[in-house]
Protein backbone atom coordinates (compact mmCIF):
# COMPACT_ATOMS: atom_id res chain seq x y z
CA UNK A 1 1.31 30.90 8.65
CA UNK A 2 -1.42 30.27 6.07
CA UNK A 3 -1.27 27.16 3.93
CA UNK A 4 -0.04 28.87 0.77
CA UNK A 5 2.91 30.43 2.61
CA UNK A 6 3.51 27.14 4.41
CA UNK A 7 3.70 25.26 1.10
CA UNK A 8 6.16 27.78 -0.35
CA UNK A 9 8.41 27.36 2.68
CA UNK A 10 8.17 23.56 2.46
CA UNK A 11 9.07 23.60 -1.24
CA UNK A 12 11.96 26.01 -0.69
CA UNK A 13 13.51 23.86 2.04
CA UNK A 14 13.06 20.55 0.25
CA UNK A 15 14.50 21.90 -3.00
CA UNK A 16 17.76 22.56 -1.16
CA UNK A 17 18.11 18.85 -0.45
CA UNK A 18 16.31 16.83 -3.12
CA UNK A 19 16.35 16.67 -6.95
CA UNK A 20 13.39 17.68 -9.10
CA UNK A 21 13.33 14.40 -10.99
CA UNK A 22 11.89 10.94 -10.53
CA UNK A 23 14.01 8.23 -8.92
CA UNK A 24 12.76 5.98 -11.73
CA UNK A 25 15.03 5.80 -14.76
CA UNK A 26 13.48 6.61 -18.14
CA UNK A 27 14.44 8.22 -21.44
CA UNK A 28 11.16 8.92 -23.23
CA UNK A 29 7.40 9.02 -22.73
CA UNK A 30 6.94 5.32 -23.43
CA UNK A 31 9.55 4.38 -20.85
CA UNK A 32 8.06 6.75 -18.29
CA UNK A 33 4.63 5.17 -18.79
CA UNK A 34 6.06 1.67 -18.31
CA UNK A 35 8.17 2.47 -15.24
CA UNK A 36 5.29 4.29 -13.58
CA UNK A 37 2.93 1.35 -14.11
CA UNK A 38 5.57 -1.07 -12.80
CA UNK A 39 6.26 1.09 -9.74
CA UNK A 40 2.83 0.42 -8.20
CA UNK A 41 3.38 -1.48 -4.94
CA UNK A 42 7.06 -1.82 -5.84
CA UNK A 43 10.27 0.02 -5.00
CA UNK A 44 11.88 2.27 -7.61
CA UNK A 45 15.12 0.36 -7.09
CA UNK A 46 13.49 -2.91 -8.12
CA UNK A 47 11.82 -1.29 -11.14
CA UNK A 48 15.16 0.16 -12.24
CA UNK A 49 16.65 -3.34 -12.08
CA UNK A 50 13.91 -4.81 -14.26
CA UNK A 51 13.51 -2.17 -16.94
CA UNK A 52 16.86 -2.53 -18.76
CA UNK A 53 15.81 -6.06 -19.76
CA UNK A 54 12.26 -4.90 -20.52
CA UNK A 55 13.31 -2.05 -22.79
CA UNK A 56 15.97 -4.14 -24.53
CA UNK A 57 13.17 -6.52 -25.56
CA UNK A 58 10.40 -3.97 -26.08
CA UNK A 59 11.78 -0.47 -26.71
CA UNK A 60 8.46 0.88 -27.98
CA UNK A 61 4.72 0.14 -28.05
CA UNK A 62 5.01 -1.52 -31.47
CA UNK A 63 7.35 -4.21 -30.17
CA UNK A 64 5.41 -4.82 -26.96
CA UNK A 65 2.11 -5.04 -28.83
CA UNK A 66 3.44 -8.20 -30.54
CA UNK A 67 4.85 -9.74 -27.34
CA UNK A 68 3.71 -12.90 -25.61
CA UNK A 69 1.87 -12.18 -22.36
CA UNK A 70 3.70 -14.89 -20.43
CA UNK A 71 7.09 -13.55 -21.51
CA UNK A 72 6.12 -10.09 -20.24
CA UNK A 73 5.02 -11.64 -16.95
CA UNK A 74 8.37 -13.40 -16.54
CA UNK A 75 10.37 -10.23 -17.15
CA UNK A 76 8.40 -8.13 -14.66
CA UNK A 77 7.59 -10.88 -12.13
CA UNK A 78 9.73 -9.40 -9.35
CA UNK A 79 7.80 -6.08 -9.40
CA UNK A 80 4.73 -7.70 -7.83
CA UNK A 81 1.18 -7.92 -9.19
CA UNK A 82 2.97 -8.92 -12.39
CA UNK A 83 0.04 -10.60 -14.09
CA UNK A 84 -2.17 -7.53 -13.91
CA UNK A 85 0.70 -5.20 -14.85
CA UNK A 86 1.64 -7.37 -17.83
CA UNK A 87 -1.96 -7.53 -19.03
CA UNK A 88 -2.37 -3.75 -18.78
CA UNK A 89 0.95 -2.96 -20.45
CA UNK A 90 0.21 -5.29 -23.36
CA UNK A 91 -3.28 -3.82 -23.79
CA UNK A 92 -1.90 -0.29 -23.56
CA UNK A 93 0.74 -1.00 -26.20
CA UNK A 94 -1.93 -2.34 -28.55
CA UNK A 95 -4.15 0.69 -27.90
CA UNK A 96 -1.29 3.09 -28.53
CA UNK A 97 -0.58 1.36 -31.83
CA UNK A 98 -4.21 1.30 -32.89
CA UNK A 99 -5.29 4.77 -31.80
CA UNK A 100 -2.21 6.96 -31.29
CA UNK A 101 0.29 5.93 -33.97
CA UNK A 102 2.42 4.26 -31.32
CA UNK A 103 2.85 7.50 -29.35
CA UNK A 104 1.96 8.25 -25.72
CA UNK A 105 -0.83 10.87 -25.81
CA UNK A 106 -0.47 14.24 -24.11
CA UNK A 107 -3.97 14.76 -22.74
CA UNK A 108 -5.45 13.66 -19.44
CA UNK A 109 -8.54 12.19 -21.10
CA UNK A 110 -6.56 10.05 -23.54
CA UNK A 111 -4.12 8.86 -20.88
CA UNK A 112 -6.91 7.83 -18.53
CA UNK A 113 -8.37 5.72 -21.34
CA UNK A 114 -5.24 3.55 -21.37
CA UNK A 115 -5.48 0.25 -19.42
CA UNK A 116 -3.86 0.51 -16.00
CA UNK A 117 -3.38 4.28 -16.18
CA UNK A 118 -5.08 6.19 -13.36
CA UNK A 119 -4.88 9.89 -12.56
CA UNK A 120 -1.63 9.60 -10.57
CA UNK A 121 0.18 8.01 -13.50
CA UNK A 122 -1.35 10.47 -15.95
CA UNK A 123 -0.20 13.43 -13.85
CA UNK A 124 3.35 12.04 -13.72
CA UNK A 125 3.46 11.56 -17.50
CA UNK A 126 1.94 14.95 -18.31
CA UNK A 127 4.18 16.85 -15.93
CA UNK A 128 7.47 15.08 -16.52
CA UNK A 129 7.23 14.20 -20.19
CA UNK A 130 5.17 17.03 -21.65
CA UNK A 131 5.69 19.81 -19.10
CA UNK A 132 1.92 20.07 -18.59
CA UNK A 133 0.75 20.85 -15.07
CA UNK A 134 -2.71 19.30 -15.04
CA UNK A 135 -2.68 18.06 -11.45
CA UNK A 136 -0.58 16.72 -8.58
CA UNK A 137 0.33 13.04 -8.48
CA UNK A 138 -0.84 11.75 -5.09
CA UNK A 139 0.97 8.56 -4.12
CA UNK A 140 1.43 7.05 -0.67
CA UNK A 141 4.18 9.53 0.27
CA UNK A 142 2.25 12.62 -0.81
CA UNK A 143 -0.89 11.34 0.90
CA UNK A 144 0.91 10.67 4.18
CA UNK A 145 3.03 13.82 4.31
CA UNK A 146 0.33 16.25 3.18
CA UNK A 147 -1.85 14.95 6.02
CA UNK A 148 0.95 15.08 8.60
CA UNK A 149 1.84 18.64 7.65
CA UNK A 150 -1.77 19.76 7.94
CA UNK A 151 -2.13 20.58 4.25
CA UNK A 152 -5.27 18.44 3.99
CA UNK A 153 -7.65 16.53 6.22
CA UNK A 154 -8.85 14.34 3.38
CA UNK A 155 -7.99 10.66 2.95
CA UNK A 156 -8.86 9.91 -0.69
CA UNK A 157 -6.20 10.75 -3.32
CA UNK A 158 -8.61 12.73 -5.49
CA UNK A 159 -9.78 14.95 -2.61
CA UNK A 160 -6.19 15.39 -1.40
CA UNK A 161 -5.16 16.42 -4.89
CA UNK A 162 -7.95 19.02 -5.04
CA UNK A 163 -6.85 20.48 -1.69
CA UNK A 164 -3.20 20.64 -2.77
CA UNK A 165 -4.01 22.22 -6.11
CA UNK A 166 -5.56 25.13 -4.21
CA UNK A 167 -2.38 25.90 -2.25
CA UNK A 168 0.58 24.65 -4.31
CA UNK A 169 1.64 27.03 -7.11
CA UNK A 170 0.77 25.43 -10.46
CA UNK A 171 4.34 25.70 -11.70
CA UNK A 172 5.38 23.45 -8.81
CA UNK A 173 2.77 20.70 -9.17
CA UNK A 174 5.15 18.12 -10.65
CA UNK A 175 8.00 19.21 -8.41
CA UNK A 176 5.82 18.86 -5.32
CA UNK A 177 5.38 15.15 -5.94
CA UNK A 178 9.11 14.60 -6.49
CA UNK A 179 10.06 16.49 -3.34
CA UNK A 180 7.57 14.73 -1.07
CA UNK A 181 8.51 11.31 -2.43
CA UNK A 182 12.19 11.85 -1.64
CA UNK A 183 11.36 13.42 1.72
CA UNK A 184 9.03 10.53 2.56
CA UNK A 185 11.70 7.93 1.87
CA UNK A 186 14.48 9.86 3.56
CA UNK A 187 12.89 11.43 6.65
CA UNK A 188 9.11 11.31 6.98
CA UNK A 189 8.80 7.54 6.77
CA UNK A 190 5.49 5.76 7.23
CA UNK A 191 6.24 3.70 10.32
CA UNK A 192 8.93 5.72 12.04
CA UNK A 193 9.46 9.31 10.88
CA UNK A 194 12.86 10.72 11.81
CA UNK A 195 11.53 13.91 13.34
CA UNK A 196 14.76 14.70 15.20
CA UNK A 197 16.59 15.41 11.94
CA UNK A 198 13.66 16.75 9.93
CA UNK A 199 14.19 20.04 8.12
CA UNK A 200 10.44 20.74 8.39
CA UNK A 201 10.07 20.00 12.11
CA UNK A 202 9.31 23.61 13.06
CA UNK A 203 6.49 23.64 10.49
CA UNK A 204 4.92 20.32 11.46
CA UNK A 205 1.80 20.10 13.68
CA UNK A 206 3.15 16.76 14.98
CA UNK A 207 6.13 18.52 16.49
CA UNK A 208 4.49 21.84 17.35
CA UNK A 209 1.76 20.09 19.31
CA UNK A 210 4.09 17.61 20.94
């Protein structure tokens, strides 16, 4: 089976089990930006516990732009790397106010210019908030599973993304991230994948080659 057909089969099987949404809870583009930044090196469950307090205090960039840095740090402390995240979120809020009328921009170039926003975060925002398929968000789950399934031999997120963009249908770019994230948490775990109950076992080089 060539890689394009393999990807279609993978997507078809995973769609039968997992939702095509993020596990992070958000209601608008600003909230999606914040939860995605907070999710770095942190579980979605923890982020979802923190954000109700965060958004009650700072429901938009305008309110966060006026916030005290130390107060932001205290609210997001449990998400890890809180000082850097707080600094970036405050700077981003100020930049959105100054340059984008308090709105999250809808272009890759403008998103990447925001403090703390790298290509993975930009892809998530563009795909989920604006319906724009500009790329595939490559996080730890996508990186691990794409390699295990033989979809790429690359190790860097950017090179992995380029490989995946060649074989995943563009309409499925955002969905592909969602599906592999859920699959990675549920079955294809980093330390001990549960191959015995994997719905992709017959497609996986790990299993086929023993």
